[in-house]
Amino acid sequence: GADKISIGSDAVEVARAFYAAGRKGDGSSSIELISTKYGRQAVVISVDPRRVYVPDAAAAANHAVVELKEGTPKGPKGEGFAWYCCTVKGGREDSELDVVQLAQAVEALGAGELLLNCIDRDGQGTGYELELINQVKTACTLPVIASSGAGTPEHFEEALATGADAALAAGIFHREEVPIQKVKGYLTTTSIPVRS
């Protein structure tokens, strides 16, 4: 009876196989099988990226690099650039894929949505990783759900204005730090449409 299923670490393995096969699938991956039988909308890819800091855009060969804006922490040596490494096993292991490579592979294979859980922002309450959202929205046409970092109603507005199709939060709601109705109430004062 589920409407959607979320795929995490397996999506990284599937993307690796996609690139190894010359940017094509063979029909046997979890993404292809589920989307073929139930439709793209049933497949949500949950990715846990983390920043890998680099001194400049040229320092990360074969990876999509972003310049970190004000409000995003710089690297330990003051690095102002980063690429987003897709992790596996709940963020315990890094992969060689960046989030753009993953997004483009899973979109080609039939995924319907991307859930971006930025490890660097998780539980911080300092806002979503806007550079990550923007990078992914520029790289693919999939709907993007922003996750990790919300602490105020304004953070939801920032994520949605950056291009996220939805914004998710957990801790602030569970701990009742910010009621859901407060977020919805705030968003009704903006140009962002909200369901009542």
N, C-alpha and C. Protein backbone atom coordinates (compact mmCIF):
# COMPACT_ATOMS: atom_id res chain seq x y z
N GLY A 1 0.79 -1.21 0.00
CA GLY A 1 0.00 0.00 0.00
C GLY A 1 0.83 1.27 0.00
N ALA A 2 2.15 1.17 0.04
CA ALA A 2 2.97 2.39 0.03
C ALA A 2 2.87 3.09 -1.32
N ASP A 3 2.89 4.43 -1.29
CA ASP A 3 2.86 5.21 -2.54
C ASP A 3 4.25 5.42 -3.11
N LYS A 4 5.24 5.47 -2.23
CA LYS A 4 6.62 5.72 -2.66
C LYS A 4 7.56 4.87 -1.84
N ILE A 5 8.74 4.61 -2.41
CA ILE A 5 9.79 3.92 -1.69
C ILE A 5 11.06 4.75 -1.81
N SER A 6 11.84 4.79 -0.73
CA SER A 6 13.08 5.55 -0.71
C SER A 6 14.27 4.59 -0.86
N ILE A 7 15.19 4.96 -1.73
CA ILE A 7 16.39 4.16 -1.97
C ILE A 7 17.60 5.02 -1.62
N GLY A 8 18.50 4.49 -0.78
CA GLY A 8 19.66 5.25 -0.33
C GLY A 8 20.95 4.72 -0.91
N SER A 9 21.69 3.95 -0.11
CA SER A 9 23.01 3.47 -0.54
C SER A 9 22.96 2.70 -1.85
N ASP A 10 21.89 1.95 -2.08
CA ASP A 10 21.79 1.18 -3.32
C ASP A 10 21.80 2.10 -4.54
N ALA A 11 21.30 3.32 -4.40
CA ALA A 11 21.29 4.26 -5.52
C ALA A 11 22.72 4.60 -5.95
N VAL A 12 23.64 4.67 -4.99
CA VAL A 12 25.04 4.95 -5.33
C VAL A 12 25.62 3.78 -6.12
N GLU A 13 25.32 2.56 -5.68
CA GLU A 13 25.80 1.38 -6.40
C GLU A 13 25.22 1.33 -7.82
N VAL A 14 23.94 1.65 -7.92
CA VAL A 14 23.28 1.65 -9.23
C VAL A 14 23.91 2.71 -10.14
N ALA A 15 24.20 3.88 -9.59
CA ALA A 15 24.83 4.95 -10.39
C ALA A 15 26.22 4.54 -10.84
N ARG A 16 26.98 3.89 -9.97
CA ARG A 16 28.31 3.40 -10.37
C ARG A 16 28.20 2.45 -11.56
N ALA A 17 27.25 1.53 -11.50
CA ALA A 17 27.05 0.56 -12.58
C ALA A 17 26.61 1.27 -13.86
N PHE A 18 25.78 2.30 -13.73
CA PHE A 18 25.31 3.10 -14.87
C PHE A 18 26.49 3.72 -15.61
N TYR A 19 27.41 4.33 -14.87
CA TYR A 19 28.57 4.96 -15.51
C TYR A 19 29.54 3.91 -16.06
N ALA A 20 29.71 2.81 -15.35
CA ALA A 20 30.61 1.74 -15.81
C ALA A 20 30.10 1.12 -17.11
N ALA A 21 28.78 1.14 -17.32
CA ALA A 21 28.19 0.56 -18.53
C ALA A 21 28.05 1.59 -19.66
N GLY A 22 28.71 2.73 -19.52
CA GLY A 22 28.65 3.73 -20.57
C GLY A 22 27.39 4.58 -20.53
N ARG A 23 26.93 4.88 -19.32
CA ARG A 23 25.76 5.73 -19.08
C ARG A 23 24.46 5.07 -19.56
N LYS A 24 24.33 3.81 -19.20
CA LYS A 24 23.06 3.13 -19.51
C LYS A 24 22.79 2.07 -18.46
N GLY A 25 21.52 1.77 -18.29
CA GLY A 25 21.12 0.72 -17.38
C GLY A 25 20.84 -0.56 -18.14
N ASP A 26 20.70 -1.65 -17.40
CA ASP A 26 20.38 -2.92 -18.04
C ASP A 26 18.99 -3.42 -17.66
N GLY A 27 18.24 -2.58 -16.96
CA GLY A 27 16.87 -2.95 -16.59
C GLY A 27 16.75 -3.72 -15.30
N SER A 28 17.88 -4.06 -14.66
CA SER A 28 17.81 -4.91 -13.48
C SER A 28 17.99 -4.17 -12.15
N SER A 29 18.28 -2.89 -12.20
CA SER A 29 18.50 -2.16 -10.95
C SER A 29 17.18 -1.93 -10.22
N SER A 30 17.28 -1.68 -8.92
CA SER A 30 16.08 -1.42 -8.12
C SER A 30 15.32 -0.23 -8.68
N ILE A 31 16.01 0.81 -9.10
CA ILE A 31 15.36 2.01 -9.63
C ILE A 31 14.57 1.67 -10.89
N GLU A 32 15.20 0.96 -11.81
CA GLU A 32 14.55 0.61 -13.07
C GLU A 32 13.36 -0.33 -12.85
N LEU A 33 13.55 -1.33 -12.03
CA LEU A 33 12.47 -2.30 -11.79
C LEU A 33 11.25 -1.66 -11.15
N ILE A 34 11.47 -0.84 -10.14
CA ILE A 34 10.34 -0.20 -9.44
C ILE A 34 9.66 0.83 -10.33
N SER A 35 10.45 1.67 -11.00
CA SER A 35 9.83 2.72 -11.82
C SER A 35 9.11 2.13 -13.02
N THR A 36 9.61 1.04 -13.57
CA THR A 36 8.93 0.39 -14.71
C THR A 36 7.59 -0.18 -14.28
N LYS A 37 7.55 -0.81 -13.12
CA LYS A 37 6.32 -1.45 -12.66
C LYS A 37 5.32 -0.46 -12.06
N TYR A 38 5.81 0.51 -11.26
CA TYR A 38 4.91 1.39 -10.51
C TYR A 38 4.95 2.85 -10.92
N GLY A 39 5.89 3.22 -11.77
CA GLY A 39 6.00 4.61 -12.21
C GLY A 39 7.13 5.34 -11.49
N ARG A 40 7.67 6.35 -12.17
CA ARG A 40 8.78 7.15 -11.63
C ARG A 40 8.43 7.77 -10.29
N GLN A 41 7.17 8.20 -10.15
CA GLN A 41 6.78 8.90 -8.94
C GLN A 41 6.91 8.04 -7.69
N ALA A 42 7.03 6.73 -7.85
CA ALA A 42 7.14 5.82 -6.71
C ALA A 42 8.57 5.68 -6.20
N VAL A 43 9.56 6.25 -6.91
CA VAL A 43 10.97 6.07 -6.55
C VAL A 43 11.57 7.39 -6.08
N VAL A 44 11.89 7.44 -4.79
CA VAL A 44 12.56 8.60 -4.20
C VAL A 44 13.99 8.18 -3.85
N ILE A 45 14.95 8.94 -4.33
CA ILE A 45 16.34 8.66 -4.01
C ILE A 45 16.73 9.55 -2.83
N SER A 46 17.14 8.91 -1.75
CA SER A 46 17.57 9.63 -0.55
C SER A 46 19.09 9.63 -0.53
N VAL A 47 19.67 10.81 -0.70
CA VAL A 47 21.13 10.92 -0.79
C VAL A 47 21.64 11.72 0.41
N ASP A 48 22.75 11.24 0.97
CA ASP A 48 23.38 11.87 2.13
C ASP A 48 24.72 12.46 1.73
N PRO A 49 24.74 13.63 1.09
CA PRO A 49 26.02 14.20 0.69
C PRO A 49 26.68 14.97 1.83
N ARG A 50 27.99 15.09 1.72
CA ARG A 50 28.75 15.92 2.64
C ARG A 50 29.76 16.73 1.83
N ARG A 51 30.13 17.89 2.39
CA ARG A 51 31.10 18.76 1.71
C ARG A 51 32.50 18.15 1.72
N VAL A 52 33.17 18.25 0.58
CA VAL A 52 34.60 17.97 0.48
C VAL A 52 35.22 19.30 0.04
N TYR A 53 35.93 19.93 0.95
CA TYR A 53 36.47 21.26 0.69
C TYR A 53 37.66 21.21 -0.26
N VAL A 54 37.71 22.20 -1.15
CA VAL A 54 38.84 22.35 -2.07
C VAL A 54 39.21 23.83 -2.14
N PRO A 55 40.48 24.14 -2.45
CA PRO A 55 40.90 25.54 -2.46
C PRO A 55 40.33 26.36 -3.62
N ASP A 56 40.01 25.69 -4.74
CA ASP A 56 39.43 26.39 -5.88
C ASP A 56 38.68 25.39 -6.76
N ALA A 57 37.96 25.91 -7.74
CA ALA A 57 37.11 25.06 -8.58
C ALA A 57 37.90 24.04 -9.39
N ALA A 58 39.14 24.35 -9.71
CA ALA A 58 39.95 23.44 -10.53
C ALA A 58 40.56 22.30 -9.71
N ALA A 59 40.46 22.36 -8.41
CA ALA A 59 41.15 21.38 -7.56
C ALA A 59 40.40 20.07 -7.38
N ALA A 60 39.20 19.97 -7.91
CA ALA A 60 38.41 18.75 -7.74
C ALA A 60 38.11 18.16 -9.10
N ALA A 61 39.08 17.50 -9.68
CA ALA A 61 38.93 16.92 -11.01
C ALA A 61 37.70 16.03 -11.08
N ASN A 62 36.93 16.20 -12.12
CA ASN A 62 35.74 15.38 -12.42
C ASN A 62 34.59 15.55 -11.44
N HIS A 63 34.64 16.55 -10.57
CA HIS A 63 33.53 16.77 -9.64
C HIS A 63 32.94 18.16 -9.84
N ALA A 64 31.63 18.26 -9.63
CA ALA A 64 30.93 19.53 -9.73
C ALA A 64 31.18 20.32 -8.45
N VAL A 65 31.83 21.46 -8.58
CA VAL A 65 32.25 22.28 -7.44
C VAL A 65 31.34 23.49 -7.31
N VAL A 66 31.09 23.91 -6.06
CA VAL A 66 30.34 25.14 -5.80
C VAL A 66 31.21 26.08 -5.00
N GLU A 67 30.96 27.36 -5.18
CA GLU A 67 31.58 28.35 -4.31
C GLU A 67 30.67 28.53 -3.11
N LEU A 68 31.23 28.45 -1.93
CA LEU A 68 30.44 28.54 -0.71
C LEU A 68 30.09 30.00 -0.43
N LYS A 69 28.82 30.25 -0.25
CA LYS A 69 28.33 31.61 -0.02
C LYS A 69 28.43 31.97 1.47
N GLU A 70 28.17 33.23 1.74
CA GLU A 70 28.15 33.69 3.13
C GLU A 70 27.08 32.91 3.90
N GLY A 71 27.43 32.46 5.07
CA GLY A 71 26.50 31.66 5.88
C GLY A 71 26.80 30.17 5.82
N THR A 72 27.58 29.76 4.83
CA THR A 72 28.00 28.35 4.75
C THR A 72 29.43 28.29 5.26
N PRO A 73 29.70 27.41 6.23
CA PRO A 73 31.05 27.35 6.80
C PRO A 73 32.12 27.05 5.75
N LYS A 74 33.23 27.73 5.88
CA LYS A 74 34.38 27.47 5.02
C LYS A 74 35.12 26.24 5.55
N GLY A 75 36.06 25.74 4.76
CA GLY A 75 36.83 24.57 5.14
C GLY A 75 37.79 24.86 6.28
N PRO A 76 38.44 23.82 6.81
CA PRO A 76 39.35 23.98 7.95
C PRO A 76 40.55 24.87 7.64
N LYS A 77 40.90 24.99 6.37
CA LYS A 77 42.01 25.87 5.97
C LYS A 77 41.49 27.11 5.25
N GLY A 78 40.22 27.43 5.50
CA GLY A 78 39.61 28.61 4.88
C GLY A 78 39.14 28.39 3.45
N GLU A 79 39.06 27.13 3.01
CA GLU A 79 38.64 26.83 1.63
C GLU A 79 37.23 27.38 1.38
N GLY A 80 37.07 28.04 0.25
CA GLY A 80 35.79 28.63 -0.10
C GLY A 80 35.03 27.88 -1.17
N PHE A 81 35.50 26.68 -1.51
CA PHE A 81 34.86 25.85 -2.52
C PHE A 81 34.67 24.44 -1.97
N ALA A 82 33.69 23.73 -2.53
CA ALA A 82 33.47 22.34 -2.12
C ALA A 82 32.74 21.59 -3.21
N TRP A 83 32.87 20.28 -3.18
CA TRP A 83 32.00 19.40 -3.96
C TRP A 83 31.28 18.51 -2.96
N TYR A 84 30.15 17.95 -3.37
CA TYR A 84 29.32 17.18 -2.46
C TYR A 84 29.46 15.69 -2.73
N CYS A 85 30.16 15.02 -1.83
CA CYS A 85 30.42 13.59 -1.91
C CYS A 85 29.18 12.82 -1.47
N CYS A 86 28.73 11.88 -2.29
CA CYS A 86 27.62 11.01 -1.91
C CYS A 86 28.15 9.94 -0.97
N THR A 87 27.58 9.84 0.20
CA THR A 87 28.01 8.84 1.16
C THR A 87 27.08 7.63 1.10
N VAL A 88 27.53 6.54 1.71
CA VAL A 88 26.72 5.31 1.79
C VAL A 88 26.74 4.83 3.24
N LYS A 89 25.90 3.84 3.49
CA LYS A 89 25.82 3.23 4.82
C LYS A 89 25.53 4.27 5.90
N GLY A 90 24.50 5.08 5.65
CA GLY A 90 24.09 6.07 6.64
C GLY A 90 25.12 7.16 6.88
N GLY A 91 25.91 7.48 5.85
CA GLY A 91 26.92 8.52 5.97
C GLY A 91 28.24 8.06 6.56
N ARG A 92 28.38 6.78 6.80
CA ARG A 92 29.61 6.27 7.42
C ARG A 92 30.75 6.07 6.42
N GLU A 93 30.43 5.95 5.14
CA GLU A 93 31.47 5.75 4.12
C GLU A 93 31.26 6.71 2.96
N ASP A 94 32.36 7.22 2.44
CA ASP A 94 32.31 8.09 1.26
C ASP A 94 32.31 7.25 -0.01
N SER A 95 31.78 7.83 -1.07
CA SER A 95 31.90 7.22 -2.39
C SER A 95 32.70 8.18 -3.26
N GLU A 96 33.02 7.75 -4.46
CA GLU A 96 33.74 8.62 -5.39
C GLU A 96 32.79 9.50 -6.18
N LEU A 97 31.48 9.28 -6.05
CA LEU A 97 30.49 10.04 -6.82
C LEU A 97 30.12 11.34 -6.13
N ASP A 98 29.93 12.38 -6.94
CA ASP A 98 29.38 13.61 -6.38
C ASP A 98 27.87 13.62 -6.60
N VAL A 99 27.20 14.56 -5.98
CA VAL A 99 25.74 14.57 -5.99
C VAL A 99 25.19 14.84 -7.40
N VAL A 100 25.90 15.60 -8.21
CA VAL A 100 25.45 15.84 -9.59
C VAL A 100 25.52 14.55 -10.40
N GLN A 101 26.61 13.80 -10.26
CA GLN A 101 26.73 12.53 -10.97
C GLN A 101 25.61 11.58 -10.56
N LEU A 102 25.33 11.52 -9.27
CA LEU A 102 24.25 10.65 -8.79
C LEU A 102 22.90 11.11 -9.32
N ALA A 103 22.61 12.39 -9.23
CA ALA A 103 21.32 12.91 -9.68
C ALA A 103 21.08 12.61 -11.15
N GLN A 104 22.08 12.83 -11.98
CA GLN A 104 21.91 12.60 -13.41
C GLN A 104 21.75 11.12 -13.73
N ALA A 105 22.47 10.26 -13.02
CA ALA A 105 22.35 8.82 -13.26
C ALA A 105 20.97 8.31 -12.86
N VAL A 106 20.52 8.66 -11.65
CA VAL A 106 19.24 8.12 -11.19
C VAL A 106 18.07 8.69 -11.98
N GLU A 107 18.20 9.92 -12.44
CA GLU A 107 17.14 10.48 -13.29
C GLU A 107 17.05 9.69 -14.59
N ALA A 108 18.19 9.39 -15.20
CA ALA A 108 18.22 8.63 -16.45
C ALA A 108 17.65 7.22 -16.26
N LEU A 109 17.81 6.66 -15.07
CA LEU A 109 17.35 5.30 -14.80
C LEU A 109 15.89 5.19 -14.37
N GLY A 110 15.26 6.34 -14.09
CA GLY A 110 13.84 6.30 -13.79
C GLY A 110 13.39 6.78 -12.43
N ALA A 111 14.29 7.37 -11.65
CA ALA A 111 13.87 7.90 -10.34
C ALA A 111 12.92 9.07 -10.53
N GLY A 112 12.09 9.29 -9.53
CA GLY A 112 11.10 10.36 -9.62
C GLY A 112 11.34 11.56 -8.75
N GLU A 113 12.10 11.42 -7.67
CA GLU A 113 12.39 12.54 -6.76
C GLU A 113 13.74 12.31 -6.10
N LEU A 114 14.31 13.42 -5.60
CA LEU A 114 15.55 13.36 -4.82
C LEU A 114 15.33 13.99 -3.46
N LEU A 115 15.73 13.30 -2.43
CA LEU A 115 15.71 13.83 -1.07
C LEU A 115 17.15 14.11 -0.68
N LEU A 116 17.48 15.38 -0.46
CA LEU A 116 18.85 15.79 -0.14
C LEU A 116 19.01 15.97 1.36
N ASN A 117 19.72 15.05 2.00
CA ASN A 117 20.00 15.10 3.44
C ASN A 117 21.43 15.56 3.64
N CYS A 118 21.68 16.84 3.68
CA CYS A 118 23.06 17.33 3.79
C CYS A 118 23.62 17.02 5.17
N ILE A 119 24.61 16.14 5.22
CA ILE A 119 25.21 15.70 6.49
C ILE A 119 25.76 16.88 7.28
N ASP A 120 26.36 17.86 6.58
CA ASP A 120 26.98 18.99 7.26
C ASP A 120 25.96 19.88 7.97
N ARG A 121 24.72 19.84 7.55
CA ARG A 121 23.68 20.70 8.12
C ARG A 121 22.78 19.97 9.12
N ASP A 122 22.82 18.66 9.11
CA ASP A 122 21.87 17.87 9.89
C ASP A 122 21.92 18.25 11.38
N GLY A 123 20.76 18.63 11.91
CA GLY A 123 20.63 18.95 13.33
C GLY A 123 21.23 20.28 13.75
N GLN A 124 21.73 21.07 12.82
CA GLN A 124 22.40 22.32 13.16
C GLN A 124 21.43 23.48 13.40
N GLY A 125 20.29 23.47 12.73
CA GLY A 125 19.33 24.55 12.88
C GLY A 125 19.78 25.87 12.28
N THR A 126 20.76 25.81 11.37
CA THR A 126 21.31 27.02 10.77
C THR A 126 20.82 27.26 9.34
N GLY A 127 19.92 26.43 8.88
CA GLY A 127 19.39 26.57 7.53
C GLY A 127 19.85 25.45 6.62
N TYR A 128 19.15 25.32 5.51
CA TYR A 128 19.46 24.29 4.52
C TYR A 128 20.73 24.65 3.75
N GLU A 129 21.33 23.67 3.10
CA GLU A 129 22.53 23.89 2.28
C GLU A 129 22.06 24.39 0.91
N LEU A 130 21.94 25.70 0.79
CA LEU A 130 21.35 26.31 -0.41
C LEU A 130 22.19 26.05 -1.66
N GLU A 131 23.52 26.03 -1.52
CA GLU A 131 24.37 25.76 -2.68
C GLU A 131 24.10 24.37 -3.23
N LEU A 132 23.88 23.41 -2.35
CA LEU A 132 23.58 22.04 -2.77
C LEU A 132 22.25 21.98 -3.52
N ILE A 133 21.24 22.61 -2.96
CA ILE A 133 19.92 22.62 -3.61
C ILE A 133 20.03 23.22 -5.00
N ASN A 134 20.67 24.36 -5.10
CA ASN A 134 20.80 25.05 -6.38
C ASN A 134 21.58 24.20 -7.38
N GLN A 135 22.66 23.57 -6.92
CA GLN A 135 23.48 22.75 -7.82
C GLN A 135 22.68 21.59 -8.40
N VAL A 136 21.93 20.91 -7.55
CA VAL A 136 21.15 19.75 -8.01
C VAL A 136 20.01 20.19 -8.92
N LYS A 137 19.32 21.27 -8.58
CA LYS A 137 18.22 21.74 -9.42
C LYS A 137 18.72 22.17 -10.80
N THR A 138 19.94 22.66 -10.87
CA THR A 138 20.53 23.06 -12.14
C THR A 138 20.94 21.84 -12.97
N ALA A 139 21.29 20.75 -12.30
CA ALA A 139 21.85 19.57 -12.96
C ALA A 139 20.81 18.57 -13.45
N CYS A 140 19.58 18.63 -12.93
CA CYS A 140 18.57 17.65 -13.32
C CYS A 140 17.18 18.27 -13.25
N THR A 141 16.19 17.52 -13.72
CA THR A 141 14.82 18.04 -13.72
C THR A 141 13.96 17.39 -12.63
N LEU A 142 14.55 16.55 -11.81
CA LEU A 142 13.79 15.87 -10.77
C LEU A 142 13.32 16.84 -9.69
N PRO A 143 12.15 16.61 -9.12
CA PRO A 143 11.75 17.37 -7.94
C PRO A 143 12.73 17.09 -6.81
N VAL A 144 13.08 18.13 -6.07
CA VAL A 144 14.05 18.02 -4.98
C VAL A 144 13.39 18.38 -3.66
N ILE A 145 13.59 17.50 -2.67
CA ILE A 145 13.12 17.74 -1.32
C ILE A 145 14.35 18.11 -0.49
N ALA A 146 14.37 19.32 0.06
CA ALA A 146 15.48 19.75 0.90
C ALA A 146 15.29 19.18 2.29
N SER A 147 16.39 18.70 2.87
CA SER A 147 16.35 18.17 4.24
C SER A 147 17.63 18.58 4.94
N SER A 148 17.60 18.61 6.24
CA SER A 148 18.75 18.87 7.10
C SER A 148 19.05 20.36 7.24
N GLY A 149 18.86 20.85 8.46
CA GLY A 149 19.30 22.20 8.78
C GLY A 149 18.24 23.19 9.20
N ALA A 150 16.96 22.87 9.02
CA ALA A 150 15.92 23.84 9.35
C ALA A 150 15.92 24.17 10.83
N GLY A 151 15.79 25.45 11.13
CA GLY A 151 15.71 25.88 12.52
C GLY A 151 14.67 26.96 12.75
N THR A 152 14.27 27.62 11.64
CA THR A 152 13.29 28.70 11.72
C THR A 152 12.36 28.62 10.51
N PRO A 153 11.19 29.27 10.57
CA PRO A 153 10.32 29.30 9.39
C PRO A 153 10.99 29.94 8.18
N GLU A 154 11.87 30.91 8.42
CA GLU A 154 12.56 31.58 7.32
C GLU A 154 13.45 30.61 6.54
N HIS A 155 13.97 29.61 7.21
CA HIS A 155 14.81 28.63 6.51
C HIS A 155 14.03 27.87 5.44
N PHE A 156 12.76 27.59 5.71
CA PHE A 156 11.92 26.92 4.71
C PHE A 156 11.74 27.81 3.49
N GLU A 157 11.50 29.08 3.74
CA GLU A 157 11.34 30.03 2.63
C GLU A 157 12.61 30.08 1.79
N GLU A 158 13.78 30.13 2.43
CA GLU A 158 15.05 30.19 1.70
C GLU A 158 15.23 28.96 0.82
N ALA A 159 14.94 27.78 1.35
CA ALA A 159 15.11 26.54 0.57
C ALA A 159 14.16 26.52 -0.62
N LEU A 160 12.92 26.90 -0.39
CA LEU A 160 11.93 26.86 -1.47
C LEU A 160 12.21 27.94 -2.51
N ALA A 161 12.67 29.11 -2.07
CA ALA A 161 13.02 30.17 -3.00
C ALA A 161 14.26 29.83 -3.82
N THR A 162 15.13 28.97 -3.28
CA THR A 162 16.34 28.54 -3.99
C THR A 162 16.01 27.51 -5.07
N GLY A 163 14.85 26.89 -4.98
CA GLY A 163 14.46 25.94 -6.02
C GLY A 163 13.98 24.61 -5.51
N ALA A 164 14.10 24.35 -4.22
CA ALA A 164 13.57 23.09 -3.68
C ALA A 164 12.07 23.02 -3.94
N ASP A 165 11.60 21.84 -4.27
CA ASP A 165 10.18 21.64 -4.52
C ASP A 165 9.42 21.38 -3.23
N ALA A 166 10.14 20.96 -2.21
CA ALA A 166 9.58 20.73 -0.88
C ALA A 166 10.71 20.86 0.13
N ALA A 167 10.35 21.09 1.38
CA ALA A 167 11.35 21.20 2.45
C ALA A 167 10.89 20.34 3.62
N LEU A 168 11.80 19.55 4.12
CA LEU A 168 11.51 18.60 5.18
C LEU A 168 12.24 19.02 6.45
N ALA A 169 11.61 18.76 7.57
CA ALA A 169 12.26 18.95 8.87
C ALA A 169 11.74 17.88 9.80
N ALA A 170 12.53 17.53 10.78
CA ALA A 170 12.12 16.50 11.74
C ALA A 170 12.30 16.98 13.17
N GLY A 171 13.54 17.16 13.58
CA GLY A 171 13.85 17.46 14.97
C GLY A 171 13.12 18.67 15.52
N ILE A 172 13.08 19.76 14.75
CA ILE A 172 12.43 20.97 15.28
C ILE A 172 10.94 20.75 15.51
N PHE A 173 10.34 19.84 14.75
CA PHE A 173 8.93 19.53 14.95
C PHE A 173 8.75 18.55 16.11
N HIS A 174 9.58 17.52 16.14
CA HIS A 174 9.47 16.51 17.21
C HIS A 174 9.71 17.12 18.58
N ARG A 175 10.69 18.02 18.65
CA ARG A 175 11.02 18.66 19.93
C ARG A 175 10.13 19.86 20.22
N GLU A 176 9.22 20.14 19.28
CA GLU A 176 8.28 21.26 19.39
C GLU A 176 8.98 22.60 19.55
N GLU A 177 10.14 22.73 18.91
CA GLU A 177 10.86 24.00 18.91
C GLU A 177 10.17 25.00 18.00
N VAL A 178 9.67 24.50 16.88
CA VAL A 178 8.92 25.31 15.93
C VAL A 178 7.70 24.49 15.51
N PRO A 179 6.50 24.93 15.83
CA PRO A 179 5.31 24.17 15.41
C PRO A 179 5.11 24.23 13.89
N ILE A 180 4.59 23.17 13.34
CA ILE A 180 4.33 23.11 11.90
C ILE A 180 3.43 24.27 11.48
N GLN A 181 2.41 24.56 12.28
CA GLN A 181 1.49 25.65 11.91
C GLN A 181 2.20 27.00 11.86
N LYS A 182 3.24 27.18 12.67
CA LYS A 182 4.01 28.43 12.62
C LYS A 182 4.73 28.55 11.28
N VAL A 183 5.30 27.44 10.80
CA VAL A 183 5.97 27.45 9.50
C VAL A 183 4.96 27.75 8.40
N LYS A 184 3.83 27.04 8.43
CA LYS A 184 2.80 27.27 7.41
C LYS A 184 2.28 28.70 7.47
N GLY A 185 2.06 29.19 8.68
CA GLY A 185 1.58 30.57 8.84
C GLY A 185 2.56 31.57 8.28
N TYR A 186 3.83 31.36 8.55
CA TYR A 186 4.85 32.26 8.02
C TYR A 186 4.87 32.20 6.49
N LEU A 187 4.84 31.00 5.94
CA LEU A 187 4.93 30.87 4.48
C LEU A 187 3.72 31.49 3.77
N THR A 188 2.58 31.56 4.44
CA THR A 188 1.42 32.21 3.80
C THR A 188 1.64 33.71 3.63
N THR A 189 2.62 34.28 4.35
CA THR A 189 2.93 35.71 4.19
C THR A 189 3.93 35.95 3.06
N THR A 190 4.39 34.86 2.45
CA THR A 190 5.34 34.97 1.32
C THR A 190 4.60 34.61 0.04
N SER A 191 5.33 34.55 -1.06
CA SER A 191 4.72 34.18 -2.34
C SER A 191 4.71 32.66 -2.56
N ILE A 192 5.14 31.90 -1.54
CA ILE A 192 5.22 30.45 -1.67
C ILE A 192 3.88 29.82 -1.32
N PRO A 193 3.31 29.03 -2.23
CA PRO A 193 2.00 28.40 -1.94
C PRO A 193 2.14 27.31 -0.86
N VAL A 194 1.17 27.26 0.03
CA VAL A 194 1.17 26.32 1.14
C VAL A 194 -0.19 25.69 1.26
N ARG A 195 -0.22 24.37 1.50
CA ARG A 195 -1.49 23.70 1.76
C ARG A 195 -1.93 24.00 3.19
N SER A 196 -3.21 24.23 3.38
CA SER A 196 -3.69 24.51 4.74
C SER A 196 -3.91 23.23 5.51
